[in-house]
Amino acid sequence: MYWVGSQEASRVERATINGANKVVILNTTFSITSLALDPLKNTLYLASKSSNVIQAFSLTRNKRCQFLFNISVVNPSGIAVSDQYMYWTNGSSIYCANKTTGKGVTPVPGKFILPMDIVVIKKTQPEGKALFLFAPWWQLVLVDMVTNLYAF
């Protein structure tokens, strides 16, 4: 599991699922608002509301972070990844971009009430279909300040 340090908002830590083997894997120069992990691509995505930036890091075999890309965004407060895209909120809108390059920043159409966080959930496989590792059945779920749940 991965998390932002409680005392140091610029530090990312990890441990095994039972909390053992805790280690700092990254120290940044900015305060981290949100993080997302893509375990299939071994990529860690960090959003910083105070620095207006999203950064991506490749996790190498020794679990050290290698910088991949940086994109300038406005007030990112939540971040999530799917098979092809990363999504983030800024308190009023939702955006997506290519998760490998950070290019192609596009607003997600719709009217949202103060979206503060975002989660991408992989749907169960359709009945009668074979399950593939990179199956395209993903669902975007948003949570807003009025506890509404939006599913796309």
C-alpha atoms as a PDB file:
ATOM      1  CA  MET A   1       0.000   0.000   0.000  1.00  0.00           C
ATOM      2  CA  TYR A   2       1.070   3.588  -0.669  1.00  0.00           C
ATOM      3  CA  TRP A   3       0.224   6.820   1.170  1.00  0.00           C
ATOM      4  CA  VAL A   4       1.257  10.431   1.677  1.00  0.00           C
ATOM      5  CA  GLY A   5       3.177  10.951   4.920  1.00  0.00           C
ATOM      6  CA  SER A   6       0.999  12.269   7.747  1.00  0.00           C
ATOM      7  CA  GLN A   7       3.623  14.708   9.022  1.00  0.00           C
ATOM      8  CA  GLU A   8       5.285  15.337   5.663  1.00  0.00           C
ATOM      9  CA  ALA A   9       2.764  16.016   2.883  1.00  0.00           C
ATOM     10  CA  SER A  10       5.635  15.998   0.391  1.00  0.00           C
ATOM     11  CA  ARG A  11       6.634  12.401   1.173  1.00  0.00           C
ATOM     12  CA  VAL A  12       5.246   9.145  -0.288  1.00  0.00           C
ATOM     13  CA  GLU A  13       5.604   5.984   1.740  1.00  0.00           C
ATOM     14  CA  ARG A  14       4.782   2.326   1.149  1.00  0.00           C
ATOM     15  CA  ALA A  15       4.462  -0.870   3.160  1.00  0.00           C
ATOM     16  CA  THR A  16       3.159  -4.384   2.770  1.00  0.00           C
ATOM     17  CA  ILE A  17      -0.586  -4.776   3.262  1.00  0.00           C
ATOM     18  CA  ASN A  18      -0.115  -5.679   6.948  1.00  0.00           C
ATOM     19  CA  GLY A  19       1.852  -2.470   7.573  1.00  0.00           C
ATOM     20  CA  ALA A  20       5.276  -4.125   7.743  1.00  0.00           C
ATOM     21  CA  ASN A  21       8.375  -3.008   5.847  1.00  0.00           C
ATOM     22  CA  LYS A  22       7.434   0.686   5.856  1.00  0.00           C
ATOM     23  CA  VAL A  23       9.757   2.778   3.696  1.00  0.00           C
ATOM     24  CA  VAL A  24       9.843   6.281   2.177  1.00  0.00           C
ATOM     25  CA  ILE A  25       9.963   5.932  -1.619  1.00  0.00           C
ATOM     26  CA  LEU A  26       9.781   9.573  -2.696  1.00  0.00           C
ATOM     27  CA  ASN A  27      10.369  13.051  -1.317  1.00  0.00           C
ATOM     28  CA  THR A  28       9.000  15.860  -3.477  1.00  0.00           C
ATOM     29  CA  THR A  29       9.431  19.616  -3.400  1.00  0.00           C
ATOM     30  CA  PHE A  30       5.644  20.156  -3.260  1.00  0.00           C
ATOM     31  CA  SER A  31       2.734  19.221  -1.002  1.00  0.00           C
ATOM     32  CA  ILE A  32       0.818  16.183  -2.325  1.00  0.00           C
ATOM     33  CA  THR A  33      -2.981  16.434  -2.376  1.00  0.00           C
ATOM     34  CA  SER A  34      -3.799  13.037  -3.864  1.00  0.00           C
ATOM     35  CA  LEU A  35      -2.121   9.956  -5.267  1.00  0.00           C
ATOM     36  CA  ALA A  36      -3.101   7.054  -7.503  1.00  0.00           C
ATOM     37  CA  LEU A  37      -1.281   3.850  -8.329  1.00  0.00           C
ATOM     38  CA  ASP A  38      -1.425   1.913 -11.582  1.00  0.00           C
ATOM     39  CA  PRO A  39      -0.163  -1.544 -10.546  1.00  0.00           C
ATOM     40  CA  LEU A  40      -0.222  -2.913 -14.114  1.00  0.00           C
ATOM     41  CA  LYS A  41       2.116  -0.175 -15.390  1.00  0.00           C
ATOM     42  CA  ASN A  42       3.996   0.258 -12.074  1.00  0.00           C
ATOM     43  CA  THR A  43       3.270   3.976 -12.182  1.00  0.00           C
ATOM     44  CA  LEU A  44       2.532   6.365  -9.317  1.00  0.00           C
ATOM     45  CA  TYR A  45       0.556   9.556 -10.045  1.00  0.00           C
ATOM     46  CA  LEU A  46       0.727  12.541  -7.672  1.00  0.00           C
ATOM     47  CA  ALA A  47      -1.492  15.632  -7.664  1.00  0.00           C
ATOM     48  CA  SER A  48      -0.581  18.873  -5.889  1.00  0.00           C
ATOM     49  CA  LYS A  49      -3.293  21.467  -5.381  1.00  0.00           C
ATOM     50  CA  SER A  50      -0.853  24.030  -3.979  1.00  0.00           C
ATOM     51  CA  SER A  51       1.594  23.651  -6.894  1.00  0.00           C
ATOM     52  CA  ASN A  52      -1.038  23.138  -9.646  1.00  0.00           C
ATOM     53  CA  VAL A  53       0.723  20.080 -10.999  1.00  0.00           C
ATOM     54  CA  ILE A  54       0.290  16.371 -11.683  1.00  0.00           C
ATOM     55  CA  GLN A  55       3.420  14.249 -11.881  1.00  0.00           C
ATOM     56  CA  ALA A  56       3.912  10.605 -12.839  1.00  0.00           C
ATOM     57  CA  PHE A  57       6.697   8.347 -11.604  1.00  0.00           C
ATOM     58  CA  SER A  58       7.697   4.868 -12.743  1.00  0.00           C
ATOM     59  CA  LEU A  59       8.301   2.452  -9.878  1.00  0.00           C
ATOM     60  CA  THR A  60      11.388   0.423 -10.752  1.00  0.00           C
ATOM     61  CA  ARG A  61      12.181  -3.050  -9.482  1.00  0.00           C
ATOM     62  CA  ASN A  62      13.945  -1.679  -6.435  1.00  0.00           C
ATOM     63  CA  LYS A  63      10.815   0.446  -5.795  1.00  0.00           C
ATOM     64  CA  ARG A  64      12.573   3.743  -6.441  1.00  0.00           C
ATOM     65  CA  CYS A  65      10.689   6.385  -8.385  1.00  0.00           C
ATOM     66  CA  GLN A  66      11.797   7.582 -11.807  1.00  0.00           C
ATOM     67  CA  PHE A  67      10.199  10.828 -13.057  1.00  0.00           C
ATOM     68  CA  LEU A  68       8.046  10.343 -16.201  1.00  0.00           C
ATOM     69  CA  PHE A  69       6.150  13.589 -16.870  1.00  0.00           C
ATOM     70  CA  ASN A  70       4.719  16.749 -15.378  1.00  0.00           C
ATOM     71  CA  ILE A  71       1.558  18.596 -16.469  1.00  0.00           C
ATOM     72  CA  SER A  72       0.294  21.955 -15.254  1.00  0.00           C
ATOM     73  CA  VAL A  73      -3.325  21.871 -14.075  1.00  0.00           C
ATOM     74  CA  VAL A  74      -5.517  24.039 -11.841  1.00  0.00           C
ATOM     75  CA  ASN A  75      -6.183  22.900  -8.244  1.00  0.00           C
ATOM     76  CA  PRO A  76      -6.146  19.093  -8.651  1.00  0.00           C
ATOM     77  CA  SER A  77      -7.797  17.558  -5.591  1.00  0.00           C
ATOM     78  CA  GLY A  78      -8.406  13.941  -6.599  1.00  0.00           C
ATOM     79  CA  ILE A  79      -6.763  11.611  -9.104  1.00  0.00           C
ATOM     80  CA  ALA A  80      -7.518   8.128 -10.455  1.00  0.00           C
ATOM     81  CA  VAL A  81      -6.404   5.922 -13.358  1.00  0.00           C
ATOM     82  CA  SER A  82      -8.123   3.522 -15.747  1.00  0.00           C
ATOM     83  CA  ASP A  83      -6.723   1.354 -18.517  1.00  0.00           C
ATOM     84  CA  GLN A  84      -5.830   4.308 -20.799  1.00  0.00           C
ATOM     85  CA  TYR A  85      -6.478   7.550 -18.921  1.00  0.00           C
ATOM     86  CA  MET A  86      -5.868   9.427 -15.714  1.00  0.00           C
ATOM     87  CA  TYR A  87      -8.736  11.502 -14.309  1.00  0.00           C
ATOM     88  CA  TRP A  88      -8.681  14.338 -11.808  1.00  0.00           C
ATOM     89  CA  THR A  89     -11.018  16.855 -10.218  1.00  0.00           C
ATOM     90  CA  ASN A  90     -10.444  20.489  -9.336  1.00  0.00           C
ATOM     91  CA  GLY A  91     -13.508  21.151  -7.196  1.00  0.00           C
ATOM     92  CA  SER A  92     -15.699  22.239 -10.112  1.00  0.00           C
ATOM     93  CA  SER A  93     -14.797  20.083 -13.133  1.00  0.00           C
ATOM     94  CA  ILE A  94     -13.342  16.715 -14.080  1.00  0.00           C
ATOM     95  CA  TYR A  95     -10.538  16.247 -16.598  1.00  0.00           C
ATOM     96  CA  CYS A  96      -8.756  13.351 -18.250  1.00  0.00           C
ATOM     97  CA  ALA A  97      -5.483  12.866 -20.114  1.00  0.00           C
ATOM     98  CA  ASN A  98      -3.400  10.058 -21.544  1.00  0.00           C
ATOM     99  CA  LYS A  99      -1.938   8.256 -18.520  1.00  0.00           C
ATOM    100  CA  THR A 100       1.298   7.343 -20.305  1.00  0.00           C
ATOM    101  CA  THR A 101       2.219  10.793 -21.641  1.00  0.00           C
ATOM    102  CA  GLY A 102       0.021  13.289 -19.767  1.00  0.00           C
ATOM    103  CA  LYS A 103      -1.019  14.727 -23.136  1.00  0.00           C
ATOM    104  CA  GLY A 104      -4.507  15.349 -24.481  1.00  0.00           C
ATOM    105  CA  VAL A 105      -5.992  17.092 -21.431  1.00  0.00           C
ATOM    106  CA  THR A 106      -9.754  17.081 -21.976  1.00  0.00           C
ATOM    107  CA  PRO A 107     -12.691  18.102 -19.757  1.00  0.00           C
ATOM    108  CA  VAL A 108     -15.163  15.294 -19.009  1.00  0.00           C
ATOM    109  CA  PRO A 109     -18.601  16.534 -20.149  1.00  0.00           C
ATOM    110  CA  GLY A 110     -21.275  16.965 -17.487  1.00  0.00           C
ATOM    111  CA  LYS A 111     -22.410  19.199 -14.646  1.00  0.00           C
ATOM    112  CA  PHE A 112     -20.926  18.232 -11.302  1.00  0.00           C
ATOM    113  CA  ILE A 113     -21.579  19.651  -7.854  1.00  0.00           C
ATOM    114  CA  LEU A 114     -18.219  20.266  -6.169  1.00  0.00           C
ATOM    115  CA  PRO A 115     -16.436  17.052  -7.189  1.00  0.00           C
ATOM    116  CA  MET A 116     -13.695  16.584  -4.588  1.00  0.00           C
ATOM    117  CA  ASP A 117     -12.445  13.068  -5.259  1.00  0.00           C
ATOM    118  CA  ILE A 118     -12.613  10.488  -7.991  1.00  0.00           C
ATOM    119  CA  VAL A 119     -12.377   6.700  -8.209  1.00  0.00           C
ATOM    120  CA  VAL A 120     -12.218   4.415 -11.227  1.00  0.00           C
ATOM    121  CA  ILE A 121     -13.678   0.970 -10.596  1.00  0.00           C
ATOM    122  CA  LYS A 122     -13.226  -1.941 -12.943  1.00  0.00           C
ATOM    123  CA  LYS A 123     -16.649  -3.413 -13.687  1.00  0.00           C
ATOM    124  CA  THR A 124     -17.275  -7.124 -13.569  1.00  0.00           C
ATOM    125  CA  GLN A 125     -17.004  -8.915 -16.859  1.00  0.00           C
ATOM    126  CA  PRO A 126     -20.139  -9.078 -19.047  1.00  0.00           C
ATOM    127  CA  GLU A 127     -21.873 -12.437 -18.921  1.00  0.00           C
ATOM    128  CA  GLY A 128     -20.629 -14.902 -21.520  1.00  0.00           C
ATOM    129  CA  LYS A 129     -17.441 -12.921 -22.181  1.00  0.00           C
ATOM    130  CA  ALA A 130     -13.953 -14.194 -21.510  1.00  0.00           C
ATOM    131  CA  LEU A 131     -12.031 -12.206 -18.913  1.00  0.00           C
ATOM    132  CA  PHE A 132      -8.824 -10.636 -20.222  1.00  0.00           C
ATOM    133  CA  LEU A 133      -6.248  -8.840 -18.115  1.00  0.00           C
ATOM    134  CA  PHE A 134      -6.751  -5.569 -19.998  1.00  0.00           C
ATOM    135  CA  ALA A 135     -10.534  -5.840 -20.448  1.00  0.00           C
ATOM    136  CA  PRO A 136     -12.180  -2.498 -21.324  1.00  0.00           C
ATOM    137  CA  TRP A 137     -14.946  -2.610 -18.693  1.00  0.00           C
ATOM    138  CA  TRP A 138     -14.205   0.382 -16.492  1.00  0.00           C
ATOM    139  CA  GLN A 139     -16.541   2.718 -14.648  1.00  0.00           C
ATOM    140  CA  LEU A 140     -15.815   6.274 -13.560  1.00  0.00           C
ATOM    141  CA  VAL A 141     -17.267   7.143 -10.129  1.00  0.00           C
ATOM    142  CA  LEU A 142     -17.292  10.645  -8.642  1.00  0.00           C
ATOM    143  CA  VAL A 143     -18.049  11.781  -5.116  1.00  0.00           C
ATOM    144  CA  ASP A 144     -19.078  15.380  -4.457  1.00  0.00           C
ATOM    145  CA  MET A 145     -19.480  17.526  -1.341  1.00  0.00           C
ATOM    146  CA  VAL A 146     -23.226  16.845  -1.208  1.00  0.00           C
ATOM    147  CA  THR A 147     -22.596  13.059  -1.116  1.00  0.00           C
ATOM    148  CA  ASN A 148     -24.056  12.457  -4.550  1.00  0.00           C
ATOM    149  CA  LEU A 149     -22.591   9.536  -6.462  1.00  0.00           C
ATOM    150  CA  TYR A 150     -22.178   9.807 -10.214  1.00  0.00           C
ATOM    151  CA  ALA A 151     -21.430   6.746 -12.342  1.00  0.00           C
ATOM    152  CA  PHE A 152     -20.599   6.811 -16.048  1.00  0.00           C
END
